Amino acid sequence: MSDSPMNPAPTSHARVILISGPSGSGKSSLAERSGLPVLQLDDFYKDGDDPTLPRLPDGAVDWDSPLAWHRDQAIAAIRTLHERGRAEVPVYSIPDNGRVGTHTLELGEAGAFIAEGIFAAEIVAECREQGLLSDALCLRNGALTTAWRRLRRDVREGRKSLPVLLRRGARLMRAERSIVDRQVSLGSYACAGPEAERRIRVADRAGRFTTV
């Protein structure tokens, strides 16, 4: 049904809480515990046969590079959620290296919504400039804790073969401090889970108040 004066487009104006952090830092678990609608930014990865995917020196795809991700599509989805309260978003399968469908994400009465993923910090400045941003957080833990959580998750979900997971895990563990430093430099606030949960609750309450 098209929008018209008789059928106006739904509105929301809820703003986004961007949650970044190294892979395995607990972003998805934090988002789930919040009870808020969640946009999974990993669903905006490029398909595995995309010729623009970045490569590591050994020829493997560098899935940890922002160039492996559809940044503009992610921002467009956040903007649509802010303006309309719902958006059709992709569903990406990491084991299949590609999109396998779409689904409709609806915000309902939430005062804020979460967009989480390892590339979330890459869009902090643009979301702020467009008036879409409520808060930007970077989850941080000890490198060993993050590495263990990441390996357990990736093996459980069958994301890649074990040798690939071990090589990637070792590389990310060495790079963890620089990953956090970069995300902070892009505008995210580094904190552990309990403080992140408090800030999320504050953002949601503030959003509900301002959108009434």
C-alpha atoms as a PDB file:
ATOM      1  CA  MET A   1       0.000   0.000   0.000  1.00  0.00           C
ATOM      2  CA  SER A   2       1.456   3.371  -0.986  1.00  0.00           C
ATOM      3  CA  ASP A   3       1.785   6.256   1.437  1.00  0.00           C
ATOM      4  CA  SER A   4      -0.745   9.054   1.008  1.00  0.00           C
ATOM      5  CA  PRO A   5      -2.469  11.702   3.150  1.00  0.00           C
ATOM      6  CA  MET A   6      -5.056   9.013   3.962  1.00  0.00           C
ATOM      7  CA  ASN A   7      -2.354   6.392   4.641  1.00  0.00           C
ATOM      8  CA  PRO A   8       0.645   8.274   6.017  1.00  0.00           C
ATOM      9  CA  ALA A   9       3.968   6.548   6.366  1.00  0.00           C
ATOM     10  CA  PRO A  10       4.609   5.247   9.893  1.00  0.00           C
ATOM     11  CA  THR A  11       7.109   7.230  11.914  1.00  0.00           C
ATOM     12  CA  SER A  12       9.470   6.326  14.727  1.00  0.00           C
ATOM     13  CA  HIS A  13      12.311   8.799  15.339  1.00  0.00           C
ATOM     14  CA  ALA A  14      13.973   6.260  17.639  1.00  0.00           C
ATOM     15  CA  ARG A  15      17.732   6.650  17.334  1.00  0.00           C
ATOM     16  CA  VAL A  16      20.402   4.003  17.098  1.00  0.00           C
ATOM     17  CA  ILE A  17      22.847   2.719  19.699  1.00  0.00           C
ATOM     18  CA  LEU A  18      25.883   1.477  17.789  1.00  0.00           C
ATOM     19  CA  ILE A  19      27.718  -1.382  19.521  1.00  0.00           C
ATOM     20  CA  SER A  20      31.158  -2.285  18.224  1.00  0.00           C
ATOM     21  CA  GLY A  21      34.055  -4.226  19.718  1.00  0.00           C
ATOM     22  CA  PRO A  22      36.383  -7.031  18.663  1.00  0.00           C
ATOM     23  CA  SER A  23      34.822 -10.211  17.322  1.00  0.00           C
ATOM     24  CA  GLY A  24      33.791 -12.294  20.342  1.00  0.00           C
ATOM     25  CA  SER A  25      33.550  -9.387  22.783  1.00  0.00           C
ATOM     26  CA  GLY A  26      29.887 -10.074  23.577  1.00  0.00           C
ATOM     27  CA  LYS A  27      28.066  -7.602  21.322  1.00  0.00           C
ATOM     28  CA  SER A  28      25.269  -9.951  20.297  1.00  0.00           C
ATOM     29  CA  SER A  29      24.692 -11.207  23.846  1.00  0.00           C
ATOM     30  CA  LEU A  30      24.556  -7.644  25.168  1.00  0.00           C
ATOM     31  CA  ALA A  31      22.105  -6.626  22.457  1.00  0.00           C
ATOM     32  CA  GLU A  32      19.872  -9.614  23.186  1.00  0.00           C
ATOM     33  CA  ARG A  33      19.843  -8.898  26.926  1.00  0.00           C
ATOM     34  CA  SER A  34      18.799  -5.300  26.315  1.00  0.00           C
ATOM     35  CA  GLY A  35      15.361  -6.309  25.047  1.00  0.00           C
ATOM     36  CA  LEU A  36      15.588  -3.647  22.333  1.00  0.00           C
ATOM     37  CA  PRO A  37      15.154  -4.280  18.588  1.00  0.00           C
ATOM     38  CA  VAL A  38      18.493  -5.286  17.075  1.00  0.00           C
ATOM     39  CA  LEU A  39      19.889  -4.696  13.595  1.00  0.00           C
ATOM     40  CA  GLN A  40      22.644  -7.238  12.930  1.00  0.00           C
ATOM     41  CA  LEU A  41      25.281  -5.357  10.958  1.00  0.00           C
ATOM     42  CA  ASP A  42      26.984  -8.625   9.960  1.00  0.00           C
ATOM     43  CA  ASP A  43      23.998  -9.161   7.659  1.00  0.00           C
ATOM     44  CA  PHE A  44      25.447  -6.435   5.425  1.00  0.00           C
ATOM     45  CA  TYR A  45      28.584  -8.400   4.560  1.00  0.00           C
ATOM     46  CA  LYS A  46      29.352  -8.722   0.865  1.00  0.00           C
ATOM     47  CA  ASP A  47      28.683 -12.082  -0.781  1.00  0.00           C
ATOM     48  CA  GLY A  48      31.659 -14.400  -0.999  1.00  0.00           C
ATOM     49  CA  ASP A  49      31.881 -14.098  -4.794  1.00  0.00           C
ATOM     50  CA  ASP A  50      31.954 -10.280  -4.780  1.00  0.00           C
ATOM     51  CA  PRO A  51      35.087  -9.238  -6.717  1.00  0.00           C
ATOM     52  CA  THR A  52      35.565  -6.168  -4.488  1.00  0.00           C
ATOM     53  CA  LEU A  53      36.218  -8.244  -1.349  1.00  0.00           C
ATOM     54  CA  PRO A  54      39.585  -7.396   0.279  1.00  0.00           C
ATOM     55  CA  ARG A  55      42.237 -10.094   0.445  1.00  0.00           C
ATOM     56  CA  LEU A  56      44.922 -11.101   2.932  1.00  0.00           C
ATOM     57  CA  PRO A  57      48.500 -11.758   1.741  1.00  0.00           C
ATOM     58  CA  ASP A  58      47.728 -15.490   1.500  1.00  0.00           C
ATOM     59  CA  GLY A  59      44.798 -14.790  -0.827  1.00  0.00           C
ATOM     60  CA  ALA A  60      42.043 -15.509   1.711  1.00  0.00           C
ATOM     61  CA  VAL A  61      39.203 -13.017   2.093  1.00  0.00           C
ATOM     62  CA  ASP A  62      39.806 -10.489   4.859  1.00  0.00           C
ATOM     63  CA  TRP A  63      36.387 -10.597   6.530  1.00  0.00           C
ATOM     64  CA  ASP A  64      37.677  -8.256   9.275  1.00  0.00           C
ATOM     65  CA  SER A  65      38.210  -5.381   6.854  1.00  0.00           C
ATOM     66  CA  PRO A  66      35.468  -2.717   6.549  1.00  0.00           C
ATOM     67  CA  LEU A  67      35.846  -3.154   2.790  1.00  0.00           C
ATOM     68  CA  ALA A  68      34.124  -6.550   3.174  1.00  0.00           C
ATOM     69  CA  TRP A  69      30.931  -4.773   4.206  1.00  0.00           C
ATOM     70  CA  HIS A  70      28.133  -2.767   2.550  1.00  0.00           C
ATOM     71  CA  ARG A  71      28.475   0.370   4.667  1.00  0.00           C
ATOM     72  CA  ASP A  72      25.992   2.498   2.696  1.00  0.00           C
ATOM     73  CA  GLN A  73      23.299  -0.179   2.845  1.00  0.00           C
ATOM     74  CA  ALA A  74      23.683  -0.439   6.622  1.00  0.00           C
ATOM     75  CA  ILE A  75      23.313   3.323   7.081  1.00  0.00           C
ATOM     76  CA  ALA A  76      20.281   3.348   4.763  1.00  0.00           C
ATOM     77  CA  ALA A  77      18.607   0.658   6.898  1.00  0.00           C
ATOM     78  CA  ILE A  78      19.312   2.644  10.094  1.00  0.00           C
ATOM     79  CA  ARG A  79      17.864   5.775   8.501  1.00  0.00           C
ATOM     80  CA  THR A  80      14.716   3.908   7.416  1.00  0.00           C
ATOM     81  CA  LEU A  81      14.244   2.463  10.901  1.00  0.00           C
ATOM     82  CA  HIS A  82      14.625   5.938  12.402  1.00  0.00           C
ATOM     83  CA  GLU A  83      12.138   7.504  10.005  1.00  0.00           C
ATOM     84  CA  ARG A  84       9.584   4.727   9.579  1.00  0.00           C
ATOM     85  CA  GLY A  85       9.998   2.361  12.516  1.00  0.00           C
ATOM     86  CA  ARG A  86      10.488  -0.657  10.261  1.00  0.00           C
ATOM     87  CA  ALA A  87      12.796  -1.813   7.498  1.00  0.00           C
ATOM     88  CA  GLU A  88      13.342  -4.818   5.268  1.00  0.00           C
ATOM     89  CA  VAL A  89      16.855  -6.040   6.045  1.00  0.00           C
ATOM     90  CA  PRO A  90      19.022  -8.885   4.703  1.00  0.00           C
ATOM     91  CA  VAL A  91      19.734 -12.203   6.379  1.00  0.00           C
ATOM     92  CA  TYR A  92      23.329 -13.311   5.841  1.00  0.00           C
ATOM     93  CA  SER A  93      24.725 -16.818   6.368  1.00  0.00           C
ATOM     94  CA  ILE A  94      28.410 -16.756   7.321  1.00  0.00           C
ATOM     95  CA  PRO A  95      28.922 -20.478   6.615  1.00  0.00           C
ATOM     96  CA  ASP A  96      27.342 -19.942   3.153  1.00  0.00           C
ATOM     97  CA  ASN A  97      29.246 -16.675   2.508  1.00  0.00           C
ATOM     98  CA  GLY A  98      26.133 -14.905   1.274  1.00  0.00           C
ATOM     99  CA  ARG A  99      22.647 -13.570   1.807  1.00  0.00           C
ATOM    100  CA  VAL A 100      19.942 -16.190   2.169  1.00  0.00           C
ATOM    101  CA  GLY A 101      16.860 -13.985   2.493  1.00  0.00           C
ATOM    102  CA  THR A 102      15.370 -10.895   4.116  1.00  0.00           C
ATOM    103  CA  HIS A 103      13.175 -10.107   7.088  1.00  0.00           C
ATOM    104  CA  THR A 104      11.248  -7.118   8.411  1.00  0.00           C
ATOM    105  CA  LEU A 105      12.640  -5.464  11.529  1.00  0.00           C
ATOM    106  CA  GLU A 106      10.076  -3.431  13.473  1.00  0.00           C
ATOM    107  CA  LEU A 107      10.833  -1.074  16.362  1.00  0.00           C
ATOM    108  CA  GLY A 108       7.409  -0.955  17.974  1.00  0.00           C
ATOM    109  CA  GLU A 109       7.384   1.383  20.964  1.00  0.00           C
ATOM    110  CA  ALA A 110      11.125   1.216  21.664  1.00  0.00           C
ATOM    111  CA  GLY A 111      12.797   4.514  22.417  1.00  0.00           C
ATOM    112  CA  ALA A 112      16.024   3.346  20.785  1.00  0.00           C
ATOM    113  CA  PHE A 113      17.332   0.403  18.806  1.00  0.00           C
ATOM    114  CA  ILE A 114      20.677  -1.340  18.584  1.00  0.00           C
ATOM    115  CA  ALA A 115      22.891  -1.885  15.553  1.00  0.00           C
ATOM    116  CA  GLU A 116      25.762  -4.191  16.464  1.00  0.00           C
ATOM    117  CA  GLY A 117      28.752  -5.601  14.648  1.00  0.00           C
ATOM    118  CA  ILE A 118      32.516  -5.329  14.314  1.00  0.00           C
ATOM    119  CA  PHE A 119      32.094  -2.453  11.826  1.00  0.00           C
ATOM    120  CA  ALA A 120      29.617  -0.399  13.877  1.00  0.00           C
ATOM    121  CA  ALA A 121      32.252   2.200  14.783  1.00  0.00           C
ATOM    122  CA  GLU A 122      32.875   2.859  11.089  1.00  0.00           C
ATOM    123  CA  ILE A 123      29.522   4.656  10.806  1.00  0.00           C
ATOM    124  CA  VAL A 124      29.470   6.609  14.085  1.00  0.00           C
ATOM    125  CA  ALA A 125      30.355   9.953  12.505  1.00  0.00           C
ATOM    126  CA  GLU A 126      27.860   9.635   9.666  1.00  0.00           C
ATOM    127  CA  CYS A 127      25.027   8.547  11.965  1.00  0.00           C
ATOM    128  CA  ARG A 128      25.799  11.472  14.262  1.00  0.00           C
ATOM    129  CA  GLU A 129      25.828  13.941  11.363  1.00  0.00           C
ATOM    130  CA  GLN A 130      22.456  12.662  10.151  1.00  0.00           C
ATOM    131  CA  GLY A 131      20.857  12.918  13.602  1.00  0.00           C
ATOM    132  CA  LEU A 132      20.465   9.131  13.870  1.00  0.00           C
ATOM    133  CA  LEU A 133      22.813   8.427  16.785  1.00  0.00           C
ATOM    134  CA  SER A 134      21.841   7.928  20.414  1.00  0.00           C
ATOM    135  CA  ASP A 135      25.085   6.380  21.694  1.00  0.00           C
ATOM    136  CA  ALA A 136      28.133   4.519  20.383  1.00  0.00           C
ATOM    137  CA  LEU A 137      29.787   1.863  22.528  1.00  0.00           C
ATOM    138  CA  CYS A 138      32.831  -0.361  22.089  1.00  0.00           C
ATOM    139  CA  LEU A 139      32.786  -3.515  24.218  1.00  0.00           C
ATOM    140  CA  ARG A 140      36.197  -4.473  25.570  1.00  0.00           C
ATOM    141  CA  ASN A 141      37.447  -7.449  27.574  1.00  0.00           C
ATOM    142  CA  GLY A 142      40.784  -9.130  28.054  1.00  0.00           C
ATOM    143  CA  ALA A 143      42.196 -10.467  24.785  1.00  0.00           C
ATOM    144  CA  LEU A 144      42.252 -14.082  26.034  1.00  0.00           C
ATOM    145  CA  THR A 145      38.629 -13.889  27.207  1.00  0.00           C
ATOM    146  CA  THR A 146      37.534 -12.488  23.867  1.00  0.00           C
ATOM    147  CA  ALA A 147      39.513 -15.100  21.932  1.00  0.00           C
ATOM    148  CA  TRP A 148      37.989 -17.992  23.876  1.00  0.00           C
ATOM    149  CA  ARG A 149      34.443 -16.659  23.467  1.00  0.00           C
ATOM    150  CA  ARG A 150      35.035 -16.121  19.764  1.00  0.00           C
ATOM    151  CA  LEU A 151      36.394 -19.618  19.190  1.00  0.00           C
ATOM    152  CA  ARG A 152      33.556 -21.311  21.091  1.00  0.00           C
ATOM    153  CA  ARG A 153      30.951 -19.339  19.156  1.00  0.00           C
ATOM    154  CA  ASP A 154      32.529 -19.883  15.752  1.00  0.00           C
ATOM    155  CA  VAL A 155      32.962 -23.621  16.278  1.00  0.00           C
ATOM    156  CA  ARG A 156      29.421 -23.974  17.629  1.00  0.00           C
ATOM    157  CA  GLU A 157      27.966 -22.135  14.631  1.00  0.00           C
ATOM    158  CA  GLY A 158      30.242 -23.829  12.101  1.00  0.00           C
ATOM    159  CA  ARG A 159      31.285 -20.488  10.669  1.00  0.00           C
ATOM    160  CA  LYS A 160      34.497 -21.715   9.030  1.00  0.00           C
ATOM    161  CA  SER A 161      36.841 -24.705   9.203  1.00  0.00           C
ATOM    162  CA  LEU A 162      38.811 -25.079  12.443  1.00  0.00           C
ATOM    163  CA  PRO A 163      42.218 -24.230  10.872  1.00  0.00           C
ATOM    164  CA  VAL A 164      40.755 -21.011   9.451  1.00  0.00           C
ATOM    165  CA  LEU A 165      39.209 -20.132  12.816  1.00  0.00           C
ATOM    166  CA  LEU A 166      42.470 -20.746  14.672  1.00  0.00           C
ATOM    167  CA  ARG A 167      44.515 -18.629  12.252  1.00  0.00           C
ATOM    168  CA  ARG A 168      41.987 -15.805  12.373  1.00  0.00           C
ATOM    169  CA  GLY A 169      41.730 -16.064  16.153  1.00  0.00           C
ATOM    170  CA  ALA A 170      45.468 -15.742  16.640  1.00  0.00           C
ATOM    171  CA  ARG A 171      45.603 -12.737  14.315  1.00  0.00           C
ATOM    172  CA  LEU A 172      42.705 -10.994  16.072  1.00  0.00           C
ATOM    173  CA  MET A 173      44.088 -11.671  19.534  1.00  0.00           C
ATOM    174  CA  ARG A 174      47.352  -9.949  18.596  1.00  0.00           C
ATOM    175  CA  ALA A 175      45.419  -7.037  17.103  1.00  0.00           C
ATOM    176  CA  GLU A 176      42.810  -6.629  19.861  1.00  0.00           C
ATOM    177  CA  ARG A 177      44.266  -3.489  21.448  1.00  0.00           C
ATOM    178  CA  SER A 178      44.649  -1.754  18.092  1.00  0.00           C
ATOM    179  CA  ILE A 179      41.071  -2.755  17.145  1.00  0.00           C
ATOM    180  CA  VAL A 180      39.676  -1.138  20.296  1.00  0.00           C
ATOM    181  CA  ASP A 181      41.886   1.937  19.858  1.00  0.00           C
ATOM    182  CA  ARG A 182      40.642   2.404  16.293  1.00  0.00           C
ATOM    183  CA  GLN A 183      36.988   2.079  17.270  1.00  0.00           C
ATOM    184  CA  VAL A 184      37.454   4.632  20.046  1.00  0.00           C
ATOM    185  CA  SER A 185      39.172   6.991  17.594  1.00  0.00           C
ATOM    186  CA  LEU A 186      36.096   6.702  15.364  1.00  0.00           C
ATOM    187  CA  GLY A 187      33.836   7.929  18.166  1.00  0.00           C
ATOM    188  CA  SER A 188      32.873   4.870  20.221  1.00  0.00           C
ATOM    189  CA  TYR A 189      33.062   4.816  24.015  1.00  0.00           C
ATOM    190  CA  ALA A 190      35.013   1.815  25.326  1.00  0.00           C
ATOM    191  CA  CYS A 191      33.494  -0.003  28.302  1.00  0.00           C
ATOM    192  CA  ALA A 192      32.684  -3.442  29.704  1.00  0.00           C
ATOM    193  CA  GLY A 193      29.250  -5.042  29.654  1.00  0.00           C
ATOM    194  CA  PRO A 194      27.731  -3.664  32.892  1.00  0.00           C
ATOM    195  CA  GLU A 195      28.440  -0.047  31.992  1.00  0.00           C
ATOM    196  CA  ALA A 196      27.222  -0.637  28.442  1.00  0.00           C
ATOM    197  CA  GLU A 197      23.934  -2.020  29.803  1.00  0.00           C
ATOM    198  CA  ARG A 198      23.436   1.092  31.941  1.00  0.00           C
ATOM    199  CA  ARG A 199      24.045   3.400  28.991  1.00  0.00           C
ATOM    200  CA  ILE A 200      21.633   1.417  26.822  1.00  0.00           C
ATOM    201  CA  ARG A 201      18.874   1.746  29.441  1.00  0.00           C
ATOM    202  CA  VAL A 202      19.476   5.496  29.661  1.00  0.00           C
ATOM    203  CA  ALA A 203      19.296   5.873  25.874  1.00  0.00           C
ATOM    204  CA  ASP A 204      16.061   3.897  25.674  1.00  0.00           C
ATOM    205  CA  ARG A 205      14.408   5.942  28.438  1.00  0.00           C
ATOM    206  CA  ALA A 206      15.536   9.189  26.847  1.00  0.00           C
ATOM    207  CA  GLY A 207      14.197   8.081  23.472  1.00  0.00           C
ATOM    208  CA  ARG A 208      10.800   7.124  24.895  1.00  0.00           C
ATOM    209  CA  PHE A 209      10.532  10.512  26.579  1.00  0.00           C
ATOM    210  CA  THR A 210      11.444  12.531  23.490  1.00  0.00           C
ATOM    211  CA  THR A 211       9.213  10.573  21.080  1.00  0.00           C
ATOM    212  CA  VAL A 212       6.033  10.754  23.162  1.00  0.00           C
END
